[in-house]
Amino acid sequence: MGKKISPTLEECRQYKDNYNTIPLMRKILADVSTPVEVLKSVMETSKHSFLLESAEKPDQWGRYSFIGYNPVLELTCRDGHVVVRKTDGDVLYEADGIHPEELIREKLRDYNSPKIEGMPSFTGGLMGYFAYDYQKYNEPVLDLKTPDREGFADVDLMLFDKIIAFDHLEQKICLIVNIFTDDLEKNYRKAQSLMDE
């Protein structure tokens, strides 16, 4: 169980023509770690992270808890000014006066991936928030010119391609790394190294 990655490289080749990215997963035992403990460790090495806890009802747990770390992109919009940057700070795109939805959909197309049987329901993607002021892009007739005292962006999303999913049913941790299909063998090996690390 320890070193096996799914899908295999050969299985990934079957997805290559239809998808830009493919999630890879390795399962390890989770008998001594909790999501909160792992999140604390992740926060020591990652500036940005999140935890989606699995509670469905106050007295019942869901199957998965998800931790994301080291996002690859950040997309923000404030008062019609949209910026897409790598998380190292390099700006990839900047524009004024566009609806942020256009860029969000474009980024989702750039990172489309297959749903693979046996994987958790979430294997990576955009996480963040849409503030109340986001509505002004959908309904331009609204007069949302209240002074901004909190300093929130209208949209603040990050693209996470590395996920740690706690499978509470199987008592296992699923390490998930999404790879691009452009140089499949090289990216597959990099993902293996990252999971080992």
N, C-alpha and C. Protein backbone atom coordinates (compact mmCIF):
# COMPACT_ATOMS: atom_id res chain seq x y z
N MET A 1 0.83 -1.20 0.00
CA MET A 1 0.00 0.00 0.00
C MET A 1 0.86 1.25 0.00
N GLY A 2 1.97 1.30 0.72
CA GLY A 2 2.73 2.50 0.97
C GLY A 2 3.17 3.29 -0.24
N LYS A 3 3.77 2.65 -1.25
CA LYS A 3 4.36 3.38 -2.38
C LYS A 3 3.46 3.40 -3.62
N LYS A 4 2.37 2.66 -3.62
CA LYS A 4 1.53 2.54 -4.82
C LYS A 4 0.79 3.85 -5.09
N ILE A 5 0.89 4.29 -6.34
CA ILE A 5 0.19 5.50 -6.77
C ILE A 5 -0.87 5.10 -7.79
N SER A 6 -2.03 5.71 -7.66
CA SER A 6 -3.06 5.48 -8.67
C SER A 6 -3.52 6.83 -9.19
N PRO A 7 -3.84 6.91 -10.45
CA PRO A 7 -3.69 5.86 -11.47
C PRO A 7 -2.22 5.64 -11.83
N THR A 8 -1.96 4.52 -12.48
CA THR A 8 -0.60 4.23 -12.92
C THR A 8 -0.24 5.15 -14.08
N LEU A 9 1.03 5.18 -14.43
CA LEU A 9 1.48 6.00 -15.56
C LEU A 9 0.78 5.56 -16.84
N GLU A 10 0.63 4.26 -17.01
CA GLU A 10 -0.05 3.75 -18.21
C GLU A 10 -1.52 4.20 -18.23
N GLU A 11 -2.19 4.17 -17.10
CA GLU A 11 -3.58 4.64 -17.04
C GLU A 11 -3.66 6.14 -17.31
N CYS A 12 -2.67 6.89 -16.86
CA CYS A 12 -2.64 8.33 -17.11
C CYS A 12 -2.56 8.64 -18.60
N ARG A 13 -1.85 7.80 -19.33
CA ARG A 13 -1.74 8.03 -20.78
C ARG A 13 -3.11 8.00 -21.46
N GLN A 14 -4.05 7.26 -20.90
CA GLN A 14 -5.39 7.18 -21.48
C GLN A 14 -6.17 8.47 -21.27
N TYR A 15 -5.82 9.25 -20.24
CA TYR A 15 -6.50 10.51 -19.96
C TYR A 15 -5.88 11.70 -20.70
N LYS A 16 -4.66 11.52 -21.15
CA LYS A 16 -3.85 12.63 -21.66
C LYS A 16 -4.52 13.44 -22.77
N ASP A 17 -5.21 12.81 -23.68
CA ASP A 17 -5.80 13.53 -24.81
C ASP A 17 -7.00 14.38 -24.44
N ASN A 18 -7.66 14.06 -23.34
CA ASN A 18 -8.91 14.76 -22.98
C ASN A 18 -8.80 15.70 -21.79
N TYR A 19 -7.68 15.67 -21.07
CA TYR A 19 -7.56 16.47 -19.84
C TYR A 19 -6.19 17.15 -19.77
N ASN A 20 -6.17 18.32 -19.13
CA ASN A 20 -4.92 19.06 -18.94
C ASN A 20 -4.16 18.59 -17.70
N THR A 21 -4.91 18.15 -16.70
CA THR A 21 -4.30 17.68 -15.45
C THR A 21 -4.92 16.35 -15.04
N ILE A 22 -4.16 15.61 -14.24
CA ILE A 22 -4.63 14.32 -13.72
C ILE A 22 -4.27 14.27 -12.24
N PRO A 23 -5.25 13.94 -11.36
CA PRO A 23 -4.91 13.77 -9.95
C PRO A 23 -4.27 12.40 -9.72
N LEU A 24 -3.19 12.39 -8.97
CA LEU A 24 -2.53 11.15 -8.56
C LEU A 24 -2.73 10.99 -7.06
N MET A 25 -2.87 9.75 -6.61
CA MET A 25 -3.15 9.53 -5.19
C MET A 25 -2.31 8.37 -4.65
N ARG A 26 -1.83 8.57 -3.44
CA ARG A 26 -1.18 7.51 -2.67
C ARG A 26 -1.86 7.46 -1.31
N LYS A 27 -2.20 6.26 -0.85
CA LYS A 27 -2.85 6.11 0.45
C LYS A 27 -1.84 5.63 1.49
N ILE A 28 -1.95 6.23 2.68
CA ILE A 28 -1.13 5.79 3.81
C ILE A 28 -2.05 5.66 5.04
N LEU A 29 -1.59 4.95 6.03
CA LEU A 29 -2.40 4.76 7.24
C LEU A 29 -2.54 6.07 8.01
N ALA A 30 -3.71 6.27 8.60
CA ALA A 30 -3.98 7.50 9.36
C ALA A 30 -4.34 7.17 10.79
N ASP A 31 -3.73 6.13 11.33
CA ASP A 31 -4.15 5.68 12.66
C ASP A 31 -3.66 6.55 13.81
N VAL A 32 -2.69 7.44 13.58
CA VAL A 32 -2.21 8.28 14.69
C VAL A 32 -2.30 9.77 14.40
N SER A 33 -2.73 10.17 13.22
CA SER A 33 -2.79 11.59 12.87
C SER A 33 -4.23 12.05 12.75
N THR A 34 -4.46 13.31 13.12
CA THR A 34 -5.77 13.92 12.93
C THR A 34 -5.64 15.04 11.91
N PRO A 35 -6.73 15.45 11.29
CA PRO A 35 -6.64 16.57 10.34
C PRO A 35 -6.05 17.84 10.96
N VAL A 36 -6.40 18.15 12.19
CA VAL A 36 -5.90 19.37 12.82
C VAL A 36 -4.39 19.27 13.06
N GLU A 37 -3.90 18.10 13.46
CA GLU A 37 -2.46 17.92 13.66
C GLU A 37 -1.70 18.09 12.34
N VAL A 38 -2.23 17.51 11.28
CA VAL A 38 -1.57 17.62 9.98
C VAL A 38 -1.63 19.06 9.49
N LEU A 39 -2.76 19.75 9.70
CA LEU A 39 -2.86 21.15 9.30
C LEU A 39 -1.80 22.00 10.00
N LYS A 40 -1.58 21.75 11.28
CA LYS A 40 -0.54 22.49 12.01
C LYS A 40 0.84 22.28 11.38
N SER A 41 1.14 21.06 10.98
CA SER A 41 2.42 20.78 10.32
C SER A 41 2.50 21.47 8.97
N VAL A 42 1.42 21.42 8.21
CA VAL A 42 1.38 22.05 6.88
C VAL A 42 1.58 23.55 7.00
N MET A 43 0.99 24.16 8.03
CA MET A 43 1.08 25.62 8.20
C MET A 43 2.50 26.08 8.50
N GLU A 44 3.35 25.17 8.96
CA GLU A 44 4.75 25.53 9.22
C GLU A 44 5.54 25.72 7.92
N THR A 45 5.07 25.09 6.83
CA THR A 45 5.81 25.16 5.57
C THR A 45 5.04 25.84 4.45
N SER A 46 3.75 26.08 4.64
CA SER A 46 2.93 26.68 3.59
C SER A 46 2.29 27.96 4.09
N LYS A 47 2.47 29.05 3.35
CA LYS A 47 1.88 30.33 3.73
C LYS A 47 0.36 30.30 3.63
N HIS A 48 -0.16 29.54 2.66
CA HIS A 48 -1.60 29.44 2.46
C HIS A 48 -2.03 27.99 2.56
N SER A 49 -3.08 27.75 3.32
CA SER A 49 -3.63 26.40 3.46
C SER A 49 -5.09 26.51 3.88
N PHE A 50 -5.78 25.38 3.83
CA PHE A 50 -7.17 25.35 4.30
C PHE A 50 -7.48 23.97 4.86
N LEU A 51 -8.52 23.91 5.66
CA LEU A 51 -9.05 22.66 6.18
C LEU A 51 -10.56 22.69 5.99
N LEU A 52 -11.08 21.70 5.27
CA LEU A 52 -12.52 21.49 5.17
C LEU A 52 -12.82 20.28 6.04
N GLU A 53 -13.44 20.52 7.16
CA GLU A 53 -13.73 19.45 8.10
C GLU A 53 -14.97 18.69 7.64
N SER A 54 -15.15 17.50 8.16
CA SER A 54 -16.12 16.57 7.59
C SER A 54 -17.45 16.48 8.32
N ALA A 55 -17.71 17.32 9.29
CA ALA A 55 -18.96 17.19 10.05
C ALA A 55 -20.17 17.45 9.15
N GLU A 56 -21.08 16.48 9.09
CA GLU A 56 -22.31 16.64 8.31
C GLU A 56 -23.44 17.12 9.21
N LYS A 57 -23.47 16.59 10.42
CA LYS A 57 -24.45 16.97 11.43
C LYS A 57 -23.69 17.13 12.74
N PRO A 58 -24.25 17.79 13.71
CA PRO A 58 -23.50 18.01 14.96
C PRO A 58 -22.95 16.73 15.60
N ASP A 59 -23.63 15.61 15.42
CA ASP A 59 -23.19 14.38 16.08
C ASP A 59 -22.74 13.31 15.08
N GLN A 60 -22.49 13.70 13.82
CA GLN A 60 -22.12 12.73 12.80
C GLN A 60 -21.02 13.28 11.90
N TRP A 61 -20.00 12.46 11.66
CA TRP A 61 -18.89 12.86 10.80
C TRP A 61 -19.12 12.37 9.39
N GLY A 62 -18.68 13.15 8.40
CA GLY A 62 -18.70 12.72 7.01
C GLY A 62 -17.49 11.85 6.73
N ARG A 63 -17.39 11.39 5.51
CA ARG A 63 -16.30 10.47 5.17
C ARG A 63 -14.94 11.15 5.10
N TYR A 64 -14.88 12.37 4.51
CA TYR A 64 -13.59 12.99 4.26
C TYR A 64 -13.41 14.33 4.98
N SER A 65 -12.17 14.60 5.32
CA SER A 65 -11.71 15.95 5.68
C SER A 65 -10.60 16.27 4.68
N PHE A 66 -10.54 17.53 4.23
CA PHE A 66 -9.58 17.92 3.20
C PHE A 66 -8.67 19.04 3.69
N ILE A 67 -7.38 18.89 3.41
CA ILE A 67 -6.40 19.93 3.67
C ILE A 67 -5.73 20.26 2.34
N GLY A 68 -5.65 21.54 2.03
CA GLY A 68 -4.94 21.99 0.84
C GLY A 68 -3.79 22.88 1.28
N TYR A 69 -2.70 22.87 0.53
CA TYR A 69 -1.54 23.67 0.89
C TYR A 69 -0.76 24.05 -0.36
N ASN A 70 0.10 25.06 -0.21
CA ASN A 70 0.95 25.55 -1.30
C ASN A 70 0.19 25.70 -2.62
N PRO A 71 -0.76 26.63 -2.68
CA PRO A 71 -1.49 26.82 -3.94
C PRO A 71 -0.55 27.31 -5.04
N VAL A 72 -0.96 27.07 -6.28
CA VAL A 72 -0.11 27.46 -7.41
C VAL A 72 -0.49 28.83 -7.98
N LEU A 73 -1.75 29.24 -7.79
CA LEU A 73 -2.22 30.52 -8.32
C LEU A 73 -3.13 31.21 -7.32
N GLU A 74 -3.18 32.53 -7.45
CA GLU A 74 -4.15 33.32 -6.69
C GLU A 74 -4.85 34.25 -7.67
N LEU A 75 -6.18 34.30 -7.58
CA LEU A 75 -6.99 35.16 -8.42
C LEU A 75 -7.76 36.10 -7.50
N THR A 76 -7.53 37.41 -7.64
CA THR A 76 -8.23 38.38 -6.81
C THR A 76 -8.87 39.44 -7.70
N CYS A 77 -9.95 40.01 -7.18
CA CYS A 77 -10.63 41.09 -7.88
C CYS A 77 -11.14 42.07 -6.84
N ARG A 78 -10.85 43.35 -7.07
CA ARG A 78 -11.33 44.42 -6.18
C ARG A 78 -11.73 45.60 -7.05
N ASP A 79 -13.00 45.96 -6.96
CA ASP A 79 -13.53 47.10 -7.73
C ASP A 79 -13.21 47.01 -9.22
N GLY A 80 -13.38 45.82 -9.80
CA GLY A 80 -13.18 45.64 -11.23
C GLY A 80 -11.74 45.43 -11.67
N HIS A 81 -10.80 45.46 -10.74
CA HIS A 81 -9.39 45.22 -11.07
C HIS A 81 -9.06 43.76 -10.74
N VAL A 82 -8.78 42.97 -11.78
CA VAL A 82 -8.53 41.54 -11.62
C VAL A 82 -7.04 41.26 -11.76
N VAL A 83 -6.52 40.43 -10.86
CA VAL A 83 -5.11 40.04 -10.91
C VAL A 83 -5.02 38.53 -10.73
N VAL A 84 -4.26 37.89 -11.61
CA VAL A 84 -3.92 36.47 -11.46
C VAL A 84 -2.42 36.42 -11.29
N ARG A 85 -1.98 35.82 -10.20
CA ARG A 85 -0.53 35.75 -9.95
C ARG A 85 -0.18 34.37 -9.42
N LYS A 86 1.05 34.00 -9.68
CA LYS A 86 1.59 32.81 -9.03
C LYS A 86 1.74 33.15 -7.56
N THR A 87 1.75 32.15 -6.72
CA THR A 87 1.84 32.45 -5.29
C THR A 87 3.24 32.92 -4.89
N ASP A 88 4.20 32.85 -5.81
CA ASP A 88 5.52 33.45 -5.52
C ASP A 88 5.53 34.95 -5.82
N GLY A 89 4.39 35.46 -6.34
CA GLY A 89 4.26 36.89 -6.57
C GLY A 89 4.26 37.31 -8.02
N ASP A 90 4.74 36.47 -8.93
CA ASP A 90 4.79 36.83 -10.35
C ASP A 90 3.37 37.02 -10.90
N VAL A 91 3.10 38.18 -11.47
CA VAL A 91 1.78 38.47 -12.03
C VAL A 91 1.69 37.84 -13.42
N LEU A 92 0.65 37.03 -13.63
CA LEU A 92 0.42 36.38 -14.92
C LEU A 92 -0.56 37.16 -15.78
N TYR A 93 -1.48 37.87 -15.13
CA TYR A 93 -2.52 38.59 -15.86
C TYR A 93 -3.07 39.68 -14.95
N GLU A 94 -3.36 40.84 -15.56
CA GLU A 94 -3.93 41.95 -14.81
C GLU A 94 -4.80 42.76 -15.76
N ALA A 95 -6.01 43.10 -15.33
CA ALA A 95 -6.92 43.86 -16.19
C ALA A 95 -7.94 44.61 -15.35
N ASP A 96 -8.52 45.63 -15.97
CA ASP A 96 -9.59 46.40 -15.34
C ASP A 96 -10.87 46.24 -16.13
N GLY A 97 -11.99 46.31 -15.41
CA GLY A 97 -13.29 46.38 -16.06
C GLY A 97 -13.80 45.09 -16.66
N ILE A 98 -13.30 43.94 -16.25
CA ILE A 98 -13.86 42.68 -16.76
C ILE A 98 -14.59 41.96 -15.63
N HIS A 99 -15.51 41.10 -16.01
CA HIS A 99 -16.23 40.28 -15.03
C HIS A 99 -15.26 39.17 -14.59
N PRO A 100 -15.02 39.00 -13.30
CA PRO A 100 -14.06 37.98 -12.84
C PRO A 100 -14.45 36.56 -13.25
N GLU A 101 -15.73 36.34 -13.52
CA GLU A 101 -16.19 35.00 -13.89
C GLU A 101 -15.47 34.49 -15.14
N GLU A 102 -15.16 35.39 -16.07
CA GLU A 102 -14.46 34.98 -17.29
C GLU A 102 -13.11 34.33 -16.96
N LEU A 103 -12.36 34.97 -16.08
CA LEU A 103 -11.05 34.41 -15.70
C LEU A 103 -11.18 33.14 -14.88
N ILE A 104 -12.17 33.10 -14.02
CA ILE A 104 -12.38 31.90 -13.20
C ILE A 104 -12.66 30.71 -14.10
N ARG A 105 -13.55 30.89 -15.06
CA ARG A 105 -13.86 29.79 -15.99
C ARG A 105 -12.64 29.40 -16.82
N GLU A 106 -11.85 30.38 -17.22
CA GLU A 106 -10.64 30.10 -18.00
C GLU A 106 -9.66 29.25 -17.18
N LYS A 107 -9.46 29.62 -15.93
CA LYS A 107 -8.54 28.85 -15.09
C LYS A 107 -9.06 27.44 -14.85
N LEU A 108 -10.37 27.29 -14.69
CA LEU A 108 -10.93 25.96 -14.52
C LEU A 108 -10.71 25.11 -15.78
N ARG A 109 -10.80 25.73 -16.96
CA ARG A 109 -10.52 25.00 -18.21
C ARG A 109 -9.04 24.60 -18.28
N ASP A 110 -8.17 25.49 -17.82
CA ASP A 110 -6.73 25.20 -17.84
C ASP A 110 -6.36 24.03 -16.93
N TYR A 111 -7.17 23.79 -15.94
CA TYR A 111 -6.87 22.74 -14.95
C TYR A 111 -7.97 21.67 -14.92
N ASN A 112 -8.54 21.34 -16.08
CA ASN A 112 -9.59 20.33 -16.07
C ASN A 112 -8.98 18.94 -15.86
N SER A 113 -9.67 18.12 -15.08
CA SER A 113 -9.15 16.80 -14.76
C SER A 113 -10.30 15.79 -14.69
N PRO A 114 -9.98 14.51 -14.87
CA PRO A 114 -11.02 13.48 -14.83
C PRO A 114 -11.44 13.16 -13.40
N LYS A 115 -12.67 12.68 -13.26
CA LYS A 115 -13.10 12.08 -11.99
C LYS A 115 -12.69 10.61 -12.07
N ILE A 116 -11.87 10.19 -11.13
CA ILE A 116 -11.33 8.84 -11.17
C ILE A 116 -11.95 8.02 -10.04
N GLU A 117 -12.47 6.88 -10.41
CA GLU A 117 -13.13 6.01 -9.45
C GLU A 117 -12.17 5.64 -8.32
N GLY A 118 -12.67 5.69 -7.10
CA GLY A 118 -11.88 5.34 -5.93
C GLY A 118 -11.18 6.53 -5.28
N MET A 119 -11.23 7.70 -5.93
CA MET A 119 -10.63 8.89 -5.35
C MET A 119 -11.67 9.67 -4.56
N PRO A 120 -11.22 10.47 -3.61
CA PRO A 120 -12.16 11.33 -2.88
C PRO A 120 -12.92 12.26 -3.81
N SER A 121 -13.98 12.82 -3.31
CA SER A 121 -14.84 13.70 -4.11
C SER A 121 -14.16 15.01 -4.49
N PHE A 122 -13.15 15.43 -3.76
CA PHE A 122 -12.42 16.66 -4.06
C PHE A 122 -10.95 16.31 -4.18
N THR A 123 -10.34 16.63 -5.33
CA THR A 123 -8.93 16.31 -5.56
C THR A 123 -8.10 17.56 -5.86
N GLY A 124 -8.71 18.72 -5.72
CA GLY A 124 -8.00 19.98 -5.97
C GLY A 124 -8.90 20.94 -6.70
N GLY A 125 -8.51 22.22 -6.67
CA GLY A 125 -9.29 23.23 -7.36
C GLY A 125 -9.22 24.56 -6.67
N LEU A 126 -10.16 25.43 -7.02
CA LEU A 126 -10.20 26.78 -6.46
C LEU A 126 -10.87 26.79 -5.09
N MET A 127 -10.24 27.46 -4.16
CA MET A 127 -10.79 27.65 -2.81
C MET A 127 -10.66 29.13 -2.47
N GLY A 128 -11.60 29.65 -1.72
CA GLY A 128 -11.53 31.04 -1.31
C GLY A 128 -12.92 31.57 -1.04
N TYR A 129 -13.14 32.83 -1.39
CA TYR A 129 -14.45 33.42 -1.10
C TYR A 129 -14.86 34.42 -2.17
N PHE A 130 -16.17 34.63 -2.23
CA PHE A 130 -16.80 35.69 -3.00
C PHE A 130 -17.46 36.59 -1.97
N ALA A 131 -17.03 37.83 -1.89
CA ALA A 131 -17.61 38.77 -0.93
C ALA A 131 -18.99 39.22 -1.41
N TYR A 132 -19.72 39.84 -0.53
CA TYR A 132 -21.05 40.36 -0.87
C TYR A 132 -20.98 41.28 -2.09
N ASP A 133 -19.93 42.07 -2.19
CA ASP A 133 -19.77 43.02 -3.30
C ASP A 133 -19.60 42.35 -4.65
N TYR A 134 -19.38 41.03 -4.69
CA TYR A 134 -19.27 40.33 -5.97
C TYR A 134 -20.56 40.48 -6.78
N GLN A 135 -21.66 40.66 -6.08
CA GLN A 135 -22.96 40.77 -6.75
C GLN A 135 -23.00 41.93 -7.75
N LYS A 136 -22.18 42.95 -7.54
CA LYS A 136 -22.19 44.11 -8.45
C LYS A 136 -21.74 43.74 -9.87
N TYR A 137 -21.01 42.63 -10.03
CA TYR A 137 -20.61 42.19 -11.37
C TYR A 137 -21.77 41.50 -12.09
N ASN A 138 -22.61 40.84 -11.33
CA ASN A 138 -23.76 40.15 -11.92
C ASN A 138 -24.94 41.10 -12.14
N GLU A 139 -25.07 42.09 -11.29
CA GLU A 139 -26.18 43.06 -11.36
C GLU A 139 -25.60 44.48 -11.34
N PRO A 140 -25.10 44.96 -12.48
CA PRO A 140 -24.44 46.28 -12.52
C PRO A 140 -25.35 47.43 -12.09
N VAL A 141 -26.67 47.23 -12.13
CA VAL A 141 -27.58 48.32 -11.75
C VAL A 141 -27.59 48.56 -10.24
N LEU A 142 -27.08 47.58 -9.48
CA LEU A 142 -27.03 47.76 -8.03
C LEU A 142 -26.01 48.84 -7.67
N ASP A 143 -26.38 49.67 -6.73
CA ASP A 143 -25.48 50.72 -6.28
C ASP A 143 -24.78 50.24 -5.01
N LEU A 144 -23.65 49.55 -5.18
CA LEU A 144 -22.89 49.00 -4.05
C LEU A 144 -21.63 49.83 -3.83
N LYS A 145 -21.83 51.06 -3.47
CA LYS A 145 -20.69 51.97 -3.29
C LYS A 145 -20.47 52.32 -1.82
N THR A 146 -20.87 51.42 -0.95
CA THR A 146 -20.65 51.64 0.48
C THR A 146 -19.15 51.64 0.74
N PRO A 147 -18.66 52.53 1.61
CA PRO A 147 -17.22 52.54 1.91
C PRO A 147 -16.75 51.18 2.42
N ASP A 148 -15.59 50.74 1.91
CA ASP A 148 -15.03 49.45 2.30
C ASP A 148 -14.20 49.62 3.56
N ARG A 149 -14.75 49.24 4.68
CA ARG A 149 -14.05 49.38 5.97
C ARG A 149 -13.27 48.13 6.35
N GLU A 150 -13.63 46.99 5.77
CA GLU A 150 -13.00 45.72 6.14
C GLU A 150 -11.78 45.38 5.29
N GLY A 151 -11.74 45.89 4.05
CA GLY A 151 -10.60 45.62 3.18
C GLY A 151 -10.66 44.28 2.46
N PHE A 152 -11.85 43.67 2.37
CA PHE A 152 -11.97 42.41 1.66
C PHE A 152 -11.98 42.65 0.15
N ALA A 153 -11.36 41.76 -0.59
CA ALA A 153 -11.47 41.78 -2.04
C ALA A 153 -12.88 41.32 -2.41
N ASP A 154 -13.32 41.64 -3.61
CA ASP A 154 -14.62 41.15 -4.08
C ASP A 154 -14.56 39.65 -4.32
N VAL A 155 -13.42 39.18 -4.80
CA VAL A 155 -13.15 37.76 -5.03
C VAL A 155 -11.72 37.49 -4.60
N ASP A 156 -11.52 36.42 -3.87
CA ASP A 156 -10.16 35.99 -3.51
C ASP A 156 -10.14 34.47 -3.55
N LEU A 157 -9.55 33.92 -4.61
CA LEU A 157 -9.50 32.48 -4.81
C LEU A 157 -8.05 32.02 -4.99
N MET A 158 -7.77 30.82 -4.54
CA MET A 158 -6.45 30.22 -4.75
C MET A 158 -6.65 28.85 -5.36
N LEU A 159 -5.75 28.48 -6.26
CA LEU A 159 -5.82 27.20 -6.93
C LEU A 159 -4.88 26.22 -6.22
N PHE A 160 -5.48 25.22 -5.59
CA PHE A 160 -4.72 24.21 -4.86
C PHE A 160 -4.62 22.95 -5.71
N ASP A 161 -3.38 22.50 -5.94
CA ASP A 161 -3.17 21.27 -6.71
C ASP A 161 -2.61 20.14 -5.85
N LYS A 162 -2.44 20.40 -4.57
CA LYS A 162 -1.98 19.38 -3.63
C LYS A 162 -2.99 19.29 -2.48
N ILE A 163 -3.51 18.10 -2.25
CA ILE A 163 -4.56 17.89 -1.25
C ILE A 163 -4.19 16.70 -0.37
N ILE A 164 -4.48 16.82 0.90
CA ILE A 164 -4.38 15.70 1.83
C ILE A 164 -5.81 15.42 2.28
N ALA A 165 -6.32 14.26 1.91
CA ALA A 165 -7.70 13.90 2.25
C ALA A 165 -7.68 12.80 3.30
N PHE A 166 -8.37 13.06 4.42
CA PHE A 166 -8.51 12.04 5.45
C PHE A 166 -9.76 11.24 5.15
N ASP A 167 -9.59 9.95 4.92
CA ASP A 167 -10.71 9.05 4.69
C ASP A 167 -11.07 8.43 6.04
N HIS A 168 -12.09 8.97 6.69
CA HIS A 168 -12.45 8.51 8.03
C HIS A 168 -13.05 7.11 8.02
N LEU A 169 -13.61 6.69 6.91
CA LEU A 169 -14.18 5.35 6.80
C LEU A 169 -13.09 4.29 6.78
N GLU A 170 -12.07 4.49 5.93
CA GLU A 170 -10.98 3.51 5.80
C GLU A 170 -9.82 3.76 6.76
N GLN A 171 -9.87 4.89 7.51
CA GLN A 171 -8.77 5.28 8.41
C GLN A 171 -7.45 5.39 7.64
N LYS A 172 -7.53 6.10 6.51
CA LYS A 172 -6.35 6.31 5.68
C LYS A 172 -6.25 7.76 5.28
N ILE A 173 -5.04 8.16 4.95
CA ILE A 173 -4.79 9.50 4.40
C ILE A 173 -4.50 9.33 2.92
N CYS A 174 -5.17 10.11 2.11
CA CYS A 174 -4.95 10.11 0.66
C CYS A 174 -4.11 11.33 0.31
N LEU A 175 -2.89 11.10 -0.14
CA LEU A 175 -2.03 12.19 -0.61
C LEU A 175 -2.34 12.38 -2.09
N ILE A 176 -2.74 13.59 -2.47
CA ILE A 176 -3.15 13.84 -3.85
C ILE A 176 -2.31 14.98 -4.43
N VAL A 177 -1.74 14.72 -5.59
CA VAL A 177 -0.98 15.72 -6.33
C VAL A 177 -1.51 15.71 -7.76
N ASN A 178 -1.88 16.88 -8.26
CA ASN A 178 -2.34 17.00 -9.64
C ASN A 178 -1.16 17.31 -10.54
N ILE A 179 -1.08 16.61 -11.66
CA ILE A 179 0.02 16.82 -12.60
C ILE A 179 -0.53 17.28 -13.94
N PHE A 180 0.28 18.06 -14.66
CA PHE A 180 -0.06 18.43 -16.02
C PHE A 180 0.26 17.26 -16.95
N THR A 181 -0.49 17.17 -18.04
CA THR A 181 -0.31 16.07 -18.98
C THR A 181 0.69 16.39 -20.09
N ASP A 182 1.25 17.61 -20.11
CA ASP A 182 2.14 17.99 -21.20
C ASP A 182 3.42 17.16 -21.25
N ASP A 183 4.05 16.89 -20.10
CA ASP A 183 5.24 16.05 -20.02
C ASP A 183 4.95 15.00 -18.96
N LEU A 184 4.13 14.05 -19.34
CA LEU A 184 3.52 13.13 -18.40
C LEU A 184 4.52 12.35 -17.54
N GLU A 185 5.52 11.74 -18.17
CA GLU A 185 6.46 10.92 -17.41
C GLU A 185 7.25 11.76 -16.40
N LYS A 186 7.74 12.89 -16.84
CA LYS A 186 8.51 13.77 -15.94
C LYS A 186 7.62 14.26 -14.79
N ASN A 187 6.41 14.70 -15.09
CA ASN A 187 5.50 15.20 -14.05
C ASN A 187 5.05 14.10 -13.11
N TYR A 188 4.91 12.88 -13.62
CA TYR A 188 4.54 11.73 -12.78
C TYR A 188 5.65 11.47 -11.76
N ARG A 189 6.91 11.48 -12.23
CA ARG A 189 8.05 11.25 -11.32
C ARG A 189 8.15 12.36 -10.27
N LYS A 190 7.91 13.61 -10.68
CA LYS A 190 7.93 14.73 -9.72
C LYS A 190 6.87 14.54 -8.64
N ALA A 191 5.70 14.10 -9.05
CA ALA A 191 4.61 13.87 -8.08
C ALA A 191 4.99 12.75 -7.11
N GLN A 192 5.62 11.70 -7.61
CA GLN A 192 6.08 10.62 -6.73
C GLN A 192 7.04 11.17 -5.68
N SER A 193 7.99 12.00 -6.11
CA SER A 193 8.97 12.58 -5.18
C SER A 193 8.29 13.45 -4.15
N LEU A 194 7.31 14.24 -4.61
CA LEU A 194 6.59 15.11 -3.69
C LEU A 194 5.83 14.30 -2.66
N MET A 195 5.21 13.21 -3.08
CA MET A 195 4.49 12.37 -2.13
C MET A 195 5.45 11.70 -1.15
N ASP A 196 6.63 11.30 -1.62
CA ASP A 196 7.64 10.73 -0.72
C ASP A 196 8.05 11.77 0.33
N GLU A 197 8.22 13.00 -0.13
CA GLU A 197 8.64 14.07 0.77
C GLU A 197 7.57 14.32 1.84
